[in-house]
Amino acid sequence: MDPDKVQTIKDWPVPRTQEELHSFLGLTGYVQRFCPEYASLTATMFALLKKQNKRNAKIHFNDEQLKNFKELKRRLCNPPVLHLSDFNKPMRLRTDASKFAVGGVLFQVVDGAERPIAYTSRKMKSAELNYPTQQQELLAIVHALAAFRIYCLDKPPIVETDHKRLE
């Protein structure tokens, strides 16, 4: 990652207005594919943009939002190493759903070690928040398969989930 961009993220102050938060989320959204659990970390921050819907409206982070803001900055400044895929080896897809988001990681096992290829996540829509857990976990699988469609065209990946009824 470009050292200047890393420094920009490190130095980014806690947003005080919706416009500042919008700018930060725009910057981080550009690299969300490389950040595990991006949607979960940003869900409560995006909620602040809906409250007054005015660019210069003042915002105040609660403890959870501040913790997520700092964690997001940390993850973006120390991104995981992503690997090129080997289409001759089986792909694995691990998915999960949280209270606010769904996500997944596409990876391969090489010499006994998991090698991440890409991450995906998105915030759940308001109707999806009301889904039972089993459907939310299934939604995570569907979302990840769509996001990684190009990797899965030749051979379907082995899907891993922590939801017992979907195993």
N, C-alpha and C. Protein backbone atom coordinates (compact mmCIF):
# COMPACT_ATOMS: atom_id res chain seq x y z
N MET A 1 0.85 -1.17 0.00
CA MET A 1 0.00 0.00 0.00
C MET A 1 0.90 1.24 0.00
N ASP A 2 0.43 2.25 -0.66
CA ASP A 2 1.17 3.51 -0.77
C ASP A 2 1.41 4.09 0.64
N PRO A 3 2.68 4.32 1.01
CA PRO A 3 2.98 4.85 2.36
C PRO A 3 2.29 6.18 2.66
N ASP A 4 2.09 7.02 1.65
CA ASP A 4 1.40 8.30 1.87
C ASP A 4 -0.06 8.08 2.25
N LYS A 5 -0.70 7.07 1.62
CA LYS A 5 -2.10 6.77 1.95
C LYS A 5 -2.21 6.18 3.35
N VAL A 6 -1.25 5.34 3.70
CA VAL A 6 -1.24 4.76 5.05
C VAL A 6 -1.11 5.88 6.08
N GLN A 7 -0.22 6.83 5.82
CA GLN A 7 -0.03 7.95 6.75
C GLN A 7 -1.30 8.80 6.83
N THR A 8 -1.97 8.99 5.70
CA THR A 8 -3.23 9.76 5.69
C THR A 8 -4.26 9.09 6.60
N ILE A 9 -4.37 7.77 6.52
CA ILE A 9 -5.32 7.04 7.37
C ILE A 9 -4.90 7.13 8.83
N LYS A 10 -3.61 6.94 9.11
CA LYS A 10 -3.12 7.02 10.50
C LYS A 10 -3.42 8.37 11.13
N ASP A 11 -3.24 9.43 10.35
CA ASP A 11 -3.40 10.79 10.86
C ASP A 11 -4.85 11.28 10.86
N TRP A 12 -5.77 10.50 10.30
CA TRP A 12 -7.15 10.97 10.16
C TRP A 12 -7.77 11.17 11.54
N PRO A 13 -8.25 12.37 11.83
CA PRO A 13 -8.87 12.61 13.14
C PRO A 13 -10.27 12.02 13.22
N VAL A 14 -10.76 11.87 14.42
CA VAL A 14 -12.14 11.40 14.60
C VAL A 14 -13.07 12.41 13.95
N PRO A 15 -13.92 11.96 13.03
CA PRO A 15 -14.83 12.89 12.34
C PRO A 15 -15.76 13.60 13.32
N ARG A 16 -15.99 14.90 13.05
CA ARG A 16 -16.88 15.70 13.91
C ARG A 16 -18.16 16.12 13.18
N THR A 17 -18.17 15.97 11.85
CA THR A 17 -19.37 16.31 11.07
C THR A 17 -19.69 15.14 10.15
N GLN A 18 -20.91 15.16 9.62
CA GLN A 18 -21.29 14.12 8.67
C GLN A 18 -20.40 14.18 7.43
N GLU A 19 -20.03 15.36 7.02
CA GLU A 19 -19.17 15.50 5.84
C GLU A 19 -17.80 14.86 6.08
N GLU A 20 -17.21 15.08 7.24
CA GLU A 20 -15.92 14.47 7.57
C GLU A 20 -16.03 12.95 7.62
N LEU A 21 -17.13 12.45 8.21
CA LEU A 21 -17.33 11.01 8.28
C LEU A 21 -17.54 10.44 6.88
N HIS A 22 -18.30 11.14 6.07
CA HIS A 22 -18.54 10.71 4.69
C HIS A 22 -17.22 10.60 3.93
N SER A 23 -16.35 11.57 4.11
CA SER A 23 -15.03 11.55 3.45
C SER A 23 -14.21 10.35 3.91
N PHE A 24 -14.21 10.11 5.22
CA PHE A 24 -13.44 8.98 5.75
C PHE A 24 -13.98 7.65 5.22
N LEU A 25 -15.30 7.48 5.25
CA LEU A 25 -15.89 6.23 4.77
C LEU A 25 -15.68 6.07 3.26
N GLY A 26 -15.66 7.18 2.53
CA GLY A 26 -15.37 7.11 1.10
C GLY A 26 -13.95 6.62 0.84
N LEU A 27 -13.01 7.14 1.61
CA LEU A 27 -11.62 6.71 1.48
C LEU A 27 -11.46 5.24 1.84
N THR A 28 -12.04 4.84 2.96
CA THR A 28 -11.87 3.45 3.41
C THR A 28 -12.66 2.48 2.54
N GLY A 29 -13.78 2.92 2.00
CA GLY A 29 -14.58 2.05 1.14
C GLY A 29 -13.83 1.61 -0.10
N TYR A 30 -12.90 2.44 -0.53
CA TYR A 30 -12.10 2.13 -1.71
C TYR A 30 -11.26 0.87 -1.51
N VAL A 31 -10.87 0.58 -0.28
CA VAL A 31 -10.02 -0.58 -0.01
C VAL A 31 -10.72 -1.64 0.85
N GLN A 32 -12.05 -1.59 0.93
CA GLN A 32 -12.76 -2.51 1.81
C GLN A 32 -12.56 -3.98 1.45
N ARG A 33 -12.27 -4.26 0.21
CA ARG A 33 -12.09 -5.65 -0.20
C ARG A 33 -10.88 -6.30 0.49
N PHE A 34 -10.00 -5.48 1.01
CA PHE A 34 -8.79 -5.98 1.67
C PHE A 34 -8.90 -5.93 3.19
N CYS A 35 -10.07 -5.59 3.70
CA CYS A 35 -10.26 -5.42 5.14
C CYS A 35 -11.30 -6.40 5.66
N PRO A 36 -10.89 -7.38 6.45
CA PRO A 36 -11.87 -8.30 7.03
C PRO A 36 -12.87 -7.54 7.90
N GLU A 37 -14.14 -7.92 7.80
CA GLU A 37 -15.22 -7.39 8.63
C GLU A 37 -15.43 -5.89 8.45
N TYR A 38 -15.14 -5.39 7.26
CA TYR A 38 -15.30 -3.95 7.00
C TYR A 38 -16.73 -3.49 7.29
N ALA A 39 -17.71 -4.22 6.79
CA ALA A 39 -19.10 -3.80 6.97
C ALA A 39 -19.51 -3.77 8.43
N SER A 40 -19.07 -4.73 9.20
CA SER A 40 -19.40 -4.75 10.64
C SER A 40 -18.76 -3.56 11.36
N LEU A 41 -17.53 -3.25 10.99
CA LEU A 41 -16.83 -2.14 11.65
C LEU A 41 -17.45 -0.79 11.31
N THR A 42 -18.02 -0.66 10.12
CA THR A 42 -18.53 0.64 9.68
C THR A 42 -20.05 0.79 9.83
N ALA A 43 -20.76 -0.26 10.18
CA ALA A 43 -22.23 -0.20 10.23
C ALA A 43 -22.74 0.91 11.14
N THR A 44 -22.20 1.02 12.34
CA THR A 44 -22.69 2.05 13.26
C THR A 44 -22.25 3.45 12.83
N MET A 45 -21.15 3.52 12.09
CA MET A 45 -20.72 4.83 11.57
C MET A 45 -21.65 5.29 10.45
N PHE A 46 -22.03 4.35 9.57
CA PHE A 46 -22.96 4.70 8.50
C PHE A 46 -24.30 5.16 9.08
N ALA A 47 -24.68 4.60 10.23
CA ALA A 47 -25.94 5.01 10.86
C ALA A 47 -25.92 6.49 11.22
N LEU A 48 -24.75 7.03 11.54
CA LEU A 48 -24.64 8.46 11.87
C LEU A 48 -24.93 9.35 10.66
N LEU A 49 -24.73 8.81 9.46
CA LEU A 49 -24.98 9.60 8.25
C LEU A 49 -26.47 9.72 7.96
N LYS A 50 -27.27 8.83 8.50
CA LYS A 50 -28.71 8.83 8.23
C LYS A 50 -29.49 9.72 9.18
N LYS A 51 -28.93 10.03 10.32
CA LYS A 51 -29.69 10.74 11.35
C LYS A 51 -30.22 12.09 10.90
N GLN A 52 -29.36 12.99 10.45
CA GLN A 52 -29.81 14.33 10.08
C GLN A 52 -29.68 14.59 8.59
N ASN A 53 -28.84 13.81 7.94
CA ASN A 53 -28.65 13.90 6.49
C ASN A 53 -28.27 15.31 6.03
N LYS A 54 -27.46 15.99 6.81
CA LYS A 54 -26.91 17.29 6.43
C LYS A 54 -25.40 17.18 6.50
N ARG A 55 -24.73 17.60 5.46
CA ARG A 55 -23.28 17.45 5.38
C ARG A 55 -22.55 18.11 6.56
N ASN A 56 -23.01 19.27 7.00
CA ASN A 56 -22.30 19.98 8.06
C ASN A 56 -22.86 19.68 9.45
N ALA A 57 -23.77 18.70 9.54
CA ALA A 57 -24.36 18.35 10.84
C ALA A 57 -23.28 17.75 11.75
N LYS A 58 -23.28 18.18 12.98
CA LYS A 58 -22.32 17.67 13.98
C LYS A 58 -22.69 16.24 14.35
N ILE A 59 -21.66 15.43 14.56
CA ILE A 59 -21.86 14.05 15.01
C ILE A 59 -20.97 13.80 16.22
N HIS A 60 -21.36 12.83 17.01
CA HIS A 60 -20.57 12.45 18.19
C HIS A 60 -20.49 10.93 18.22
N PHE A 61 -19.28 10.41 18.25
CA PHE A 61 -19.07 8.97 18.31
C PHE A 61 -19.32 8.47 19.73
N ASN A 62 -20.06 7.36 19.83
CA ASN A 62 -20.16 6.70 21.13
C ASN A 62 -18.94 5.79 21.29
N ASP A 63 -18.85 5.08 22.40
CA ASP A 63 -17.67 4.25 22.68
C ASP A 63 -17.47 3.17 21.61
N GLU A 64 -18.57 2.53 21.20
CA GLU A 64 -18.47 1.47 20.18
C GLU A 64 -17.99 2.03 18.85
N GLN A 65 -18.55 3.17 18.44
CA GLN A 65 -18.14 3.78 17.18
C GLN A 65 -16.68 4.21 17.21
N LEU A 66 -16.25 4.76 18.32
CA LEU A 66 -14.85 5.17 18.45
C LEU A 66 -13.92 3.96 18.40
N LYS A 67 -14.31 2.89 19.08
CA LYS A 67 -13.51 1.66 19.06
C LYS A 67 -13.42 1.11 17.63
N ASN A 68 -14.55 1.09 16.91
CA ASN A 68 -14.56 0.59 15.54
C ASN A 68 -13.76 1.49 14.60
N PHE A 69 -13.83 2.80 14.81
CA PHE A 69 -13.06 3.75 14.01
C PHE A 69 -11.56 3.47 14.15
N LYS A 70 -11.12 3.31 15.38
CA LYS A 70 -9.69 3.04 15.64
C LYS A 70 -9.27 1.68 15.09
N GLU A 71 -10.14 0.69 15.25
CA GLU A 71 -9.82 -0.66 14.75
C GLU A 71 -9.76 -0.66 13.22
N LEU A 72 -10.67 0.06 12.58
CA LEU A 72 -10.65 0.14 11.12
C LEU A 72 -9.36 0.79 10.64
N LYS A 73 -8.96 1.88 11.28
CA LYS A 73 -7.70 2.53 10.91
C LYS A 73 -6.52 1.57 11.10
N ARG A 74 -6.53 0.83 12.21
CA ARG A 74 -5.44 -0.11 12.47
C ARG A 74 -5.37 -1.18 11.38
N ARG A 75 -6.53 -1.73 11.02
CA ARG A 75 -6.55 -2.79 10.01
C ARG A 75 -6.12 -2.27 8.64
N LEU A 76 -6.52 -1.06 8.32
CA LEU A 76 -6.16 -0.51 7.01
C LEU A 76 -4.69 -0.13 6.94
N CYS A 77 -4.10 0.19 8.06
CA CYS A 77 -2.67 0.54 8.09
C CYS A 77 -1.79 -0.71 8.18
N ASN A 78 -2.38 -1.82 8.55
CA ASN A 78 -1.66 -3.11 8.63
C ASN A 78 -2.48 -4.17 7.89
N PRO A 79 -2.65 -4.00 6.58
CA PRO A 79 -3.54 -4.91 5.85
C PRO A 79 -3.00 -6.33 5.81
N PRO A 80 -3.90 -7.31 5.70
CA PRO A 80 -3.45 -8.70 5.59
C PRO A 80 -2.77 -8.90 4.23
N VAL A 81 -1.89 -9.85 4.19
CA VAL A 81 -1.24 -10.18 2.92
C VAL A 81 -2.20 -11.05 2.12
N LEU A 82 -2.55 -10.59 0.93
CA LEU A 82 -3.41 -11.37 0.05
C LEU A 82 -2.53 -12.11 -0.95
N HIS A 83 -3.01 -13.26 -1.36
CA HIS A 83 -2.23 -14.12 -2.25
C HIS A 83 -2.94 -14.28 -3.58
N LEU A 84 -2.18 -14.57 -4.60
CA LEU A 84 -2.76 -14.88 -5.90
C LEU A 84 -3.38 -16.26 -5.82
N SER A 85 -4.49 -16.43 -6.53
CA SER A 85 -5.15 -17.73 -6.50
C SER A 85 -4.47 -18.69 -7.47
N ASP A 86 -4.49 -19.95 -7.10
CA ASP A 86 -4.00 -21.03 -7.97
C ASP A 86 -5.25 -21.80 -8.38
N PHE A 87 -5.67 -21.62 -9.62
CA PHE A 87 -6.93 -22.23 -10.07
C PHE A 87 -6.84 -23.75 -10.20
N ASN A 88 -5.66 -24.31 -10.00
CA ASN A 88 -5.51 -25.76 -10.01
C ASN A 88 -5.77 -26.37 -8.63
N LYS A 89 -5.86 -25.52 -7.62
CA LYS A 89 -6.11 -26.00 -6.25
C LYS A 89 -7.52 -25.60 -5.84
N PRO A 90 -8.12 -26.36 -4.92
CA PRO A 90 -9.48 -26.03 -4.49
C PRO A 90 -9.54 -24.70 -3.73
N MET A 91 -10.61 -23.97 -3.98
CA MET A 91 -10.88 -22.72 -3.26
C MET A 91 -11.76 -23.06 -2.06
N ARG A 92 -11.62 -22.27 -1.02
CA ARG A 92 -12.47 -22.41 0.16
C ARG A 92 -13.09 -21.04 0.43
N LEU A 93 -14.32 -21.07 0.89
CA LEU A 93 -15.05 -19.85 1.17
C LEU A 93 -15.59 -19.94 2.59
N ARG A 94 -15.16 -19.04 3.45
CA ARG A 94 -15.64 -19.01 4.83
C ARG A 94 -16.52 -17.77 4.98
N THR A 95 -17.75 -17.96 5.44
CA THR A 95 -18.69 -16.85 5.56
C THR A 95 -19.22 -16.74 6.98
N ASP A 96 -19.79 -15.57 7.26
CA ASP A 96 -20.39 -15.35 8.57
C ASP A 96 -21.35 -14.18 8.48
N ALA A 97 -22.31 -14.17 9.39
CA ALA A 97 -23.24 -13.05 9.53
C ALA A 97 -23.15 -12.54 10.96
N SER A 98 -23.22 -11.22 11.11
CA SER A 98 -23.22 -10.61 12.44
C SER A 98 -24.56 -9.91 12.63
N LYS A 99 -24.66 -9.08 13.65
CA LYS A 99 -25.90 -8.35 13.89
C LYS A 99 -26.22 -7.37 12.76
N PHE A 100 -25.18 -6.84 12.11
CA PHE A 100 -25.37 -5.77 11.13
C PHE A 100 -24.94 -6.12 9.71
N ALA A 101 -24.10 -7.15 9.55
CA ALA A 101 -23.46 -7.34 8.25
C ALA A 101 -23.25 -8.82 7.93
N VAL A 102 -22.95 -9.06 6.65
CA VAL A 102 -22.55 -10.38 6.18
C VAL A 102 -21.20 -10.24 5.50
N GLY A 103 -20.44 -11.31 5.51
CA GLY A 103 -19.14 -11.22 4.88
C GLY A 103 -18.53 -12.59 4.67
N GLY A 104 -17.38 -12.56 3.99
CA GLY A 104 -16.70 -13.81 3.73
C GLY A 104 -15.27 -13.58 3.30
N VAL A 105 -14.53 -14.66 3.33
CA VAL A 105 -13.15 -14.65 2.85
C VAL A 105 -12.98 -15.84 1.91
N LEU A 106 -12.38 -15.58 0.76
CA LEU A 106 -12.02 -16.62 -0.18
C LEU A 106 -10.55 -16.94 0.06
N PHE A 107 -10.24 -18.21 0.24
CA PHE A 107 -8.85 -18.56 0.54
C PHE A 107 -8.53 -19.95 0.00
N GLN A 108 -7.25 -20.27 0.00
CA GLN A 108 -6.77 -21.59 -0.35
C GLN A 108 -5.83 -22.06 0.76
N VAL A 109 -5.77 -23.37 0.93
CA VAL A 109 -4.83 -23.94 1.89
C VAL A 109 -3.60 -24.40 1.10
N VAL A 110 -2.46 -23.80 1.43
CA VAL A 110 -1.20 -24.13 0.76
C VAL A 110 -0.19 -24.53 1.84
N ASP A 111 0.34 -25.72 1.72
CA ASP A 111 1.31 -26.24 2.70
C ASP A 111 0.76 -26.14 4.12
N GLY A 112 -0.52 -26.43 4.28
CA GLY A 112 -1.15 -26.43 5.59
C GLY A 112 -1.54 -25.06 6.14
N ALA A 113 -1.25 -23.99 5.39
CA ALA A 113 -1.57 -22.63 5.86
C ALA A 113 -2.68 -22.03 5.00
N GLU A 114 -3.58 -21.31 5.66
CA GLU A 114 -4.64 -20.62 4.93
C GLU A 114 -4.07 -19.36 4.28
N ARG A 115 -4.32 -19.20 2.99
CA ARG A 115 -3.84 -18.05 2.23
C ARG A 115 -5.04 -17.26 1.71
N PRO A 116 -5.37 -16.12 2.33
CA PRO A 116 -6.52 -15.34 1.86
C PRO A 116 -6.27 -14.76 0.48
N ILE A 117 -7.31 -14.81 -0.34
CA ILE A 117 -7.26 -14.26 -1.70
C ILE A 117 -8.01 -12.93 -1.74
N ALA A 118 -9.18 -12.90 -1.11
CA ALA A 118 -9.98 -11.66 -1.09
C ALA A 118 -11.01 -11.73 0.03
N TYR A 119 -11.45 -10.56 0.45
CA TYR A 119 -12.49 -10.43 1.47
C TYR A 119 -13.68 -9.69 0.86
N THR A 120 -14.85 -9.95 1.41
CA THR A 120 -16.03 -9.19 1.03
C THR A 120 -16.92 -9.03 2.25
N SER A 121 -17.64 -7.94 2.30
CA SER A 121 -18.64 -7.75 3.35
C SER A 121 -19.58 -6.64 2.92
N ARG A 122 -20.75 -6.67 3.49
CA ARG A 122 -21.69 -5.57 3.27
C ARG A 122 -22.64 -5.50 4.44
N LYS A 123 -23.17 -4.30 4.64
CA LYS A 123 -24.15 -4.07 5.69
C LYS A 123 -25.47 -4.69 5.24
N MET A 124 -26.19 -5.28 6.18
CA MET A 124 -27.50 -5.83 5.85
C MET A 124 -28.51 -4.71 5.66
N LYS A 125 -29.44 -4.93 4.74
CA LYS A 125 -30.55 -3.99 4.55
C LYS A 125 -31.51 -4.13 5.73
N SER A 126 -32.35 -3.14 5.92
CA SER A 126 -33.22 -3.15 7.11
C SER A 126 -34.10 -4.40 7.17
N ALA A 127 -34.63 -4.87 6.06
CA ALA A 127 -35.46 -6.07 6.07
C ALA A 127 -34.63 -7.31 6.44
N GLU A 128 -33.38 -7.35 5.98
CA GLU A 128 -32.52 -8.50 6.25
C GLU A 128 -32.15 -8.61 7.72
N LEU A 129 -32.17 -7.48 8.43
CA LEU A 129 -31.88 -7.50 9.87
C LEU A 129 -32.92 -8.32 10.63
N ASN A 130 -34.11 -8.47 10.05
CA ASN A 130 -35.19 -9.22 10.69
C ASN A 130 -35.19 -10.70 10.33
N TYR A 131 -34.31 -11.12 9.43
CA TYR A 131 -34.23 -12.53 9.05
C TYR A 131 -33.82 -13.37 10.26
N PRO A 132 -34.30 -14.61 10.31
CA PRO A 132 -33.78 -15.52 11.33
C PRO A 132 -32.28 -15.78 11.07
N THR A 133 -31.58 -16.22 12.08
CA THR A 133 -30.13 -16.43 11.98
C THR A 133 -29.76 -17.33 10.81
N GLN A 134 -30.50 -18.41 10.62
CA GLN A 134 -30.18 -19.34 9.53
C GLN A 134 -30.23 -18.64 8.17
N GLN A 135 -31.22 -17.79 7.96
CA GLN A 135 -31.32 -17.08 6.68
C GLN A 135 -30.23 -16.02 6.55
N GLN A 136 -29.84 -15.39 7.64
CA GLN A 136 -28.75 -14.41 7.58
C GLN A 136 -27.44 -15.10 7.22
N GLU A 137 -27.21 -16.27 7.80
CA GLU A 137 -26.00 -17.03 7.47
C GLU A 137 -26.02 -17.47 6.00
N LEU A 138 -27.18 -17.87 5.52
CA LEU A 138 -27.31 -18.24 4.11
C LEU A 138 -27.12 -17.02 3.20
N LEU A 139 -27.61 -15.87 3.64
CA LEU A 139 -27.40 -14.62 2.91
C LEU A 139 -25.91 -14.32 2.78
N ALA A 140 -25.14 -14.59 3.82
CA ALA A 140 -23.69 -14.38 3.78
C ALA A 140 -23.06 -15.26 2.70
N ILE A 141 -23.51 -16.51 2.60
CA ILE A 141 -22.98 -17.42 1.58
C ILE A 141 -23.33 -16.91 0.18
N VAL A 142 -24.59 -16.54 -0.02
CA VAL A 142 -25.03 -16.04 -1.33
C VAL A 142 -24.26 -14.78 -1.72
N HIS A 143 -24.11 -13.86 -0.77
CA HIS A 143 -23.37 -12.62 -1.05
C HIS A 143 -21.93 -12.92 -1.44
N ALA A 144 -21.26 -13.78 -0.69
CA ALA A 144 -19.86 -14.09 -0.97
C ALA A 144 -19.70 -14.82 -2.30
N LEU A 145 -20.60 -15.75 -2.60
CA LEU A 145 -20.52 -16.44 -3.89
C LEU A 145 -20.69 -15.46 -5.05
N ALA A 146 -21.58 -14.49 -4.90
CA ALA A 146 -21.77 -13.48 -5.94
C ALA A 146 -20.53 -12.59 -6.06
N ALA A 147 -19.97 -12.20 -4.92
CA ALA A 147 -18.79 -11.32 -4.94
C ALA A 147 -17.58 -12.00 -5.57
N PHE A 148 -17.47 -13.31 -5.36
CA PHE A 148 -16.31 -14.05 -5.85
C PHE A 148 -16.66 -14.92 -7.05
N ARG A 149 -17.72 -14.56 -7.74
CA ARG A 149 -18.23 -15.34 -8.87
C ARG A 149 -17.12 -15.73 -9.86
N ILE A 150 -16.28 -14.79 -10.20
CA ILE A 150 -15.24 -15.03 -11.20
C ILE A 150 -14.27 -16.14 -10.77
N TYR A 151 -14.06 -16.28 -9.47
CA TYR A 151 -13.17 -17.32 -8.96
C TYR A 151 -13.85 -18.69 -8.93
N CYS A 152 -15.18 -18.69 -8.96
CA CYS A 152 -15.93 -19.92 -8.73
C CYS A 152 -16.55 -20.50 -10.00
N LEU A 153 -16.31 -19.88 -11.15
CA LEU A 153 -16.95 -20.32 -12.38
C LEU A 153 -16.51 -21.72 -12.80
N ASP A 154 -15.24 -22.01 -12.68
CA ASP A 154 -14.71 -23.30 -13.13
C ASP A 154 -15.01 -24.41 -12.13
N LYS A 155 -14.70 -24.16 -10.87
CA LYS A 155 -14.93 -25.15 -9.80
C LYS A 155 -15.58 -24.45 -8.62
N PRO A 156 -16.69 -24.97 -8.13
CA PRO A 156 -17.29 -24.34 -6.95
C PRO A 156 -16.38 -24.48 -5.73
N PRO A 157 -16.37 -23.47 -4.87
CA PRO A 157 -15.52 -23.55 -3.67
C PRO A 157 -16.13 -24.45 -2.61
N ILE A 158 -15.32 -24.87 -1.69
CA ILE A 158 -15.79 -25.58 -0.50
C ILE A 158 -16.24 -24.49 0.47
N VAL A 159 -17.51 -24.52 0.85
CA VAL A 159 -18.07 -23.46 1.70
C VAL A 159 -18.00 -23.89 3.16
N GLU A 160 -17.51 -22.99 4.00
CA GLU A 160 -17.43 -23.22 5.44
C GLU A 160 -18.29 -22.18 6.14
N THR A 161 -19.11 -22.64 7.07
CA THR A 161 -19.92 -21.73 7.88
C THR A 161 -19.92 -22.22 9.32
N ASP A 162 -20.13 -21.30 10.24
CA ASP A 162 -20.17 -21.70 11.65
C ASP A 162 -21.59 -22.03 12.10
N HIS A 163 -22.54 -21.98 11.17
CA HIS A 163 -23.93 -22.27 11.52
C HIS A 163 -24.19 -23.77 11.31
N LYS A 164 -24.47 -24.47 12.37
CA LYS A 164 -24.57 -25.93 12.34
C LYS A 164 -25.62 -26.44 11.35
N ARG A 165 -26.76 -25.77 11.25
CA ARG A 165 -27.83 -26.26 10.38
C ARG A 165 -27.51 -26.11 8.90
N LEU A 166 -26.53 -25.30 8.56
CA LEU A 166 -26.15 -25.11 7.16
C LEU A 166 -24.93 -25.93 6.76
N GLU A 167 -24.28 -26.58 7.70
CA GLU A 167 -23.06 -27.34 7.38
C GLU A 167 -23.35 -28.50 6.46
